[in-house]
Every structure is written in C-alpha cells, then in structure tokens.
C-alpha cells in the first residue's frame, strides 16, 4: 500500500513537471515572457502618439535617445521609432533619416511636419498631439 502511494506521487510529480516544462518551452518558442503581457500606464499614450503619426528618429549610440526610450519604458515598443545609425557603420546615417533631413538625435517629427530636436517631455508631446499620459 505504501509503495503504491509513492509510485502514484512520483507519477503525479512527473506529470506536473512535464506540463510546467512544456508551458515554458511554448512561451520561449513564441518569445513571450510572463511579464510581457502586463501593460504599462504609458501604453495608451505611446500608442496615441503612433496613431497621430509622430515619429522619433534616433541612434542606438545616442545617450539622449536612450534617455528618451527609458522615459517610456516598456511602452516604447508602441513608438514609431526610426533607427538612423547604419548597422554596418554607426557613423553613417540610414537613407530614411537623410531623406527626413535629420541632423540631431533624437528628433521628433509630427504629422504637420513640425519637429523638435532633443529630449522631449511628456508634457510637450501631449501639448503637441493632444494625447494624454496622466
């Protein structure tokens, strides 16, 4: 009787482990993280900026661009971001940025073609677009 309880317990533990590992593998295969589905309060603000065709031009080596991205945190994924640094030569600018006449980073361009160069506060972005972040 005691051996049957141990055997059943072992099989139950193995079953649970298999289910847990399978779930982890499926999430990993889909590049999902358990926290990836948690939304940030800034998601709707960033999405609104994108919906209003606001674009941020930047370079991965630019500290001001990195600061701007950090302000948005995980919500930055909703921003229309154009990387200007050529991956093969970070001193060379990508054609899309040359065509947009980007001379400094970051540069925010709005739907009316007005632009702001440098780091921009949420208040300023909200003022220019009517998007709310609070």
C-alpha atoms as a PDB file:
ATOM      1  CA  UNK A   1       0.000   0.000   0.000  1.00  0.00           C
ATOM      2  CA  UNK A   2       2.786   2.402   0.944  1.00  0.00           C
ATOM      3  CA  UNK A   3       4.679   1.628  -2.293  1.00  0.00           C
ATOM      4  CA  UNK A   4       1.568   2.402  -4.397  1.00  0.00           C
ATOM      5  CA  UNK A   5       1.260   5.855  -2.764  1.00  0.00           C
ATOM      6  CA  UNK A   6       4.912   6.608  -3.507  1.00  0.00           C
ATOM      7  CA  UNK A   7       4.608   5.417  -7.112  1.00  0.00           C
ATOM      8  CA  UNK A   8       1.441   7.470  -7.673  1.00  0.00           C
ATOM      9  CA  UNK A   9       3.070  10.538  -6.062  1.00  0.00           C
ATOM     10  CA  UNK A  10       6.134  10.187  -8.284  1.00  0.00           C
ATOM     11  CA  UNK A  11       3.979   9.914 -11.432  1.00  0.00           C
ATOM     12  CA  UNK A  12       1.910  12.934 -10.411  1.00  0.00           C
ATOM     13  CA  UNK A  13       5.103  14.939  -9.793  1.00  0.00           C
ATOM     14  CA  UNK A  14       6.492  13.868 -13.180  1.00  0.00           C
ATOM     15  CA  UNK A  15       3.231  14.859 -14.876  1.00  0.00           C
ATOM     16  CA  UNK A  16       3.237  18.293 -13.259  1.00  0.00           C
ATOM     17  CA  UNK A  17       6.886  18.803 -14.214  1.00  0.00           C
ATOM     18  CA  UNK A  18       6.169  17.847 -17.842  1.00  0.00           C
ATOM     19  CA  UNK A  19       3.240  20.268 -18.051  1.00  0.00           C
ATOM     20  CA  UNK A  20       5.291  23.066 -16.487  1.00  0.00           C
ATOM     21  CA  UNK A  21       8.270  22.476 -18.807  1.00  0.00           C
ATOM     22  CA  UNK A  22       6.003  22.258 -21.879  1.00  0.00           C
ATOM     23  CA  UNK A  23       4.387  25.591 -20.980  1.00  0.00           C
ATOM     24  CA  UNK A  24       7.796  27.200 -20.528  1.00  0.00           C
ATOM     25  CA  UNK A  25       9.041  25.811 -23.866  1.00  0.00           C
ATOM     26  CA  UNK A  26       5.943  27.066 -25.688  1.00  0.00           C
ATOM     27  CA  UNK A  27       6.328  30.554 -24.171  1.00  0.00           C
ATOM     28  CA  UNK A  28      10.032  30.591 -25.055  1.00  0.00           C
ATOM     29  CA  UNK A  29       9.305  29.426 -28.598  1.00  0.00           C
ATOM     30  CA  UNK A  30       6.835  32.303 -29.038  1.00  0.00           C
ATOM     31  CA  UNK A  31       9.338  34.765 -27.496  1.00  0.00           C
ATOM     32  CA  UNK A  32       6.892  35.533 -24.735  1.00  0.00           C
ATOM     33  CA  UNK A  33       7.655  36.392 -21.189  1.00  0.00           C
ATOM     34  CA  UNK A  34       5.205  36.012 -18.320  1.00  0.00           C
ATOM     35  CA  UNK A  35       5.558  39.773 -17.728  1.00  0.00           C
ATOM     36  CA  UNK A  36       5.281  40.692 -21.424  1.00  0.00           C
ATOM     37  CA  UNK A  37       1.511  40.834 -21.193  1.00  0.00           C
ATOM     38  CA  UNK A  38       1.481  43.345 -18.343  1.00  0.00           C
ATOM     39  CA  UNK A  39       0.561  46.733 -19.733  1.00  0.00           C
ATOM     40  CA  UNK A  40       2.154  49.972 -18.666  1.00  0.00           C
ATOM     41  CA  UNK A  41       0.147  53.109 -17.899  1.00  0.00           C
ATOM     42  CA  UNK A  42       2.099  54.757 -20.744  1.00  0.00           C
ATOM     43  CA  UNK A  43       0.984  52.207 -23.361  1.00  0.00           C
ATOM     44  CA  UNK A  44      -2.050  54.230 -24.400  1.00  0.00           C
ATOM     45  CA  UNK A  45      -0.010  57.468 -24.529  1.00  0.00           C
ATOM     46  CA  UNK A  46       2.670  55.895 -26.728  1.00  0.00           C
ATOM     47  CA  UNK A  47       0.013  54.264 -28.911  1.00  0.00           C
ATOM     48  CA  UNK A  48      -1.772  57.616 -29.283  1.00  0.00           C
ATOM     49  CA  UNK A  49       1.482  59.219 -30.458  1.00  0.00           C
ATOM     50  CA  UNK A  50       1.856  56.482 -33.063  1.00  0.00           C
ATOM     51  CA  UNK A  51      -1.778  56.809 -34.112  1.00  0.00           C
ATOM     52  CA  UNK A  52      -1.110  60.528 -34.687  1.00  0.00           C
ATOM     53  CA  UNK A  53       1.859  59.632 -36.916  1.00  0.00           C
ATOM     54  CA  UNK A  54       4.503  61.014 -34.538  1.00  0.00           C
ATOM     55  CA  UNK A  55       7.966  59.630 -35.292  1.00  0.00           C
ATOM     56  CA  UNK A  56      11.131  59.582 -33.254  1.00  0.00           C
ATOM     57  CA  UNK A  57      14.393  59.433 -35.162  1.00  0.00           C
ATOM     58  CA  UNK A  58      17.416  58.347 -33.168  1.00  0.00           C
ATOM     59  CA  UNK A  59      20.630  56.370 -32.998  1.00  0.00           C
ATOM     60  CA  UNK A  60      21.412  53.451 -30.728  1.00  0.00           C
ATOM     61  CA  UNK A  61      24.652  55.108 -29.560  1.00  0.00           C
ATOM     62  CA  UNK A  62      22.891  58.388 -28.647  1.00  0.00           C
ATOM     63  CA  UNK A  63      22.607  58.901 -24.875  1.00  0.00           C
ATOM     64  CA  UNK A  64      19.719  61.368 -25.295  1.00  0.00           C
ATOM     65  CA  UNK A  65      17.836  58.772 -27.351  1.00  0.00           C
ATOM     66  CA  UNK A  66      18.469  56.188 -24.648  1.00  0.00           C
ATOM     67  CA  UNK A  67      17.119  58.605 -22.027  1.00  0.00           C
ATOM     68  CA  UNK A  68      14.026  59.218 -24.145  1.00  0.00           C
ATOM     69  CA  UNK A  69      13.441  55.469 -24.536  1.00  0.00           C
ATOM     70  CA  UNK A  70      13.860  54.936 -20.780  1.00  0.00           C
ATOM     71  CA  UNK A  71      11.143  57.515 -20.069  1.00  0.00           C
ATOM     72  CA  UNK A  72       8.673  55.332 -21.953  1.00  0.00           C
ATOM     73  CA  UNK A  73       9.978  52.064 -20.501  1.00  0.00           C
ATOM     74  CA  UNK A  74       8.249  49.034 -21.995  1.00  0.00           C
ATOM     75  CA  UNK A  75       5.744  51.327 -23.717  1.00  0.00           C
ATOM     76  CA  UNK A  76       8.442  52.469 -26.139  1.00  0.00           C
ATOM     77  CA  UNK A  77       7.509  49.473 -28.297  1.00  0.00           C
ATOM     78  CA  UNK A  78       4.455  51.495 -29.423  1.00  0.00           C
ATOM     79  CA  UNK A  79       6.510  54.492 -30.597  1.00  0.00           C
ATOM     80  CA  UNK A  80       7.170  54.909 -34.324  1.00  0.00           C
ATOM     81  CA  UNK A  81      10.945  54.782 -33.997  1.00  0.00           C
ATOM     82  CA  UNK A  82      13.354  55.099 -36.893  1.00  0.00           C
ATOM     83  CA  UNK A  83      16.929  53.991 -36.225  1.00  0.00           C
ATOM     84  CA  UNK A  84      19.320  56.303 -38.041  1.00  0.00           C
ATOM     85  CA  UNK A  85      22.652  54.610 -37.297  1.00  0.00           C
ATOM     86  CA  UNK A  86      23.706  52.328 -40.121  1.00  0.00           C
ATOM     87  CA  UNK A  87      24.313  48.875 -38.571  1.00  0.00           C
ATOM     88  CA  UNK A  88      27.426  48.383 -40.715  1.00  0.00           C
ATOM     89  CA  UNK A  89      28.855  51.819 -39.850  1.00  0.00           C
ATOM     90  CA  UNK A  90      27.372  53.732 -36.920  1.00  0.00           C
ATOM     91  CA  UNK A  91      28.926  56.971 -38.225  1.00  0.00           C
ATOM     92  CA  UNK A  92      26.852  56.665 -41.401  1.00  0.00           C
ATOM     93  CA  UNK A  93      23.187  57.651 -41.431  1.00  0.00           C
ATOM     94  CA  UNK A  94      20.430  55.461 -42.854  1.00  0.00           C
ATOM     95  CA  UNK A  95      18.773  56.787 -46.012  1.00  0.00           C
ATOM     96  CA  UNK A  96      15.358  57.273 -44.328  1.00  0.00           C
ATOM     97  CA  UNK A  97      16.990  59.702 -41.886  1.00  0.00           C
ATOM     98  CA  UNK A  98      18.896  61.519 -44.607  1.00  0.00           C
ATOM     99  CA  UNK A  99      15.660  61.858 -46.581  1.00  0.00           C
ATOM    100  CA  UNK A 100      13.939  63.281 -43.476  1.00  0.00           C
ATOM    101  CA  UNK A 101      16.817  65.785 -43.072  1.00  0.00           C
ATOM    102  CA  UNK A 102      17.687  64.542 -39.577  1.00  0.00           C
ATOM    103  CA  UNK A 103      20.715  66.396 -38.214  1.00  0.00           C
ATOM    104  CA  UNK A 104      20.446  65.674 -34.474  1.00  0.00           C
ATOM    105  CA  UNK A 105      19.182  62.953 -32.174  1.00  0.00           C
ATOM    106  CA  UNK A 106      16.575  62.423 -31.058  1.00  0.00           C
ATOM    107  CA  UNK A 107      14.364  64.279 -33.494  1.00  0.00           C
ATOM    108  CA  UNK A 108      10.600  64.062 -33.110  1.00  0.00           C
ATOM    109  CA  UNK A 109       8.570  64.755 -36.263  1.00  0.00           C
ATOM    110  CA  UNK A 110       4.832  65.378 -36.023  1.00  0.00           C
ATOM    111  CA  UNK A 111       2.077  64.851 -38.591  1.00  0.00           C
ATOM    112  CA  UNK A 112       2.196  68.551 -39.559  1.00  0.00           C
ATOM    113  CA  UNK A 113       5.958  68.102 -40.291  1.00  0.00           C
ATOM    114  CA  UNK A 114       6.962  70.275 -37.342  1.00  0.00           C
ATOM    115  CA  UNK A 115       9.908  68.878 -35.457  1.00  0.00           C
ATOM    116  CA  UNK A 116      11.542  69.054 -32.075  1.00  0.00           C
ATOM    117  CA  UNK A 117      15.189  68.104 -31.656  1.00  0.00           C
ATOM    118  CA  UNK A 118      16.478  66.756 -28.370  1.00  0.00           C
ATOM    119  CA  UNK A 119      14.810  65.074 -25.435  1.00  0.00           C
ATOM    120  CA  UNK A 120      11.126  65.942 -25.146  1.00  0.00           C
ATOM    121  CA  UNK A 121       8.977  65.819 -22.024  1.00  0.00           C
ATOM    122  CA  UNK A 122       5.651  64.013 -21.918  1.00  0.00           C
ATOM    123  CA  UNK A 123       4.003  67.386 -21.291  1.00  0.00           C
ATOM    124  CA  UNK A 124       5.442  68.766 -24.534  1.00  0.00           C
ATOM    125  CA  UNK A 125       4.438  65.665 -26.523  1.00  0.00           C
ATOM    126  CA  UNK A 126       0.948  65.850 -25.047  1.00  0.00           C
ATOM    127  CA  UNK A 127       0.701  69.560 -25.867  1.00  0.00           C
ATOM    128  CA  UNK A 128       1.748  68.976 -29.493  1.00  0.00           C
ATOM    129  CA  UNK A 129      -0.550  65.990 -30.087  1.00  0.00           C
ATOM    130  CA  UNK A 130      -3.477  66.121 -27.694  1.00  0.00           C
ATOM    131  CA  UNK A 131      -2.506  62.674 -26.386  1.00  0.00           C
ATOM    132  CA  UNK A 132      -2.915  62.202 -22.625  1.00  0.00           C
ATOM    133  CA  UNK A 133      -0.477  60.388 -20.373  1.00  0.00           C
ATOM    134  CA  UNK A 134      -1.875  61.125 -16.931  1.00  0.00           C
END
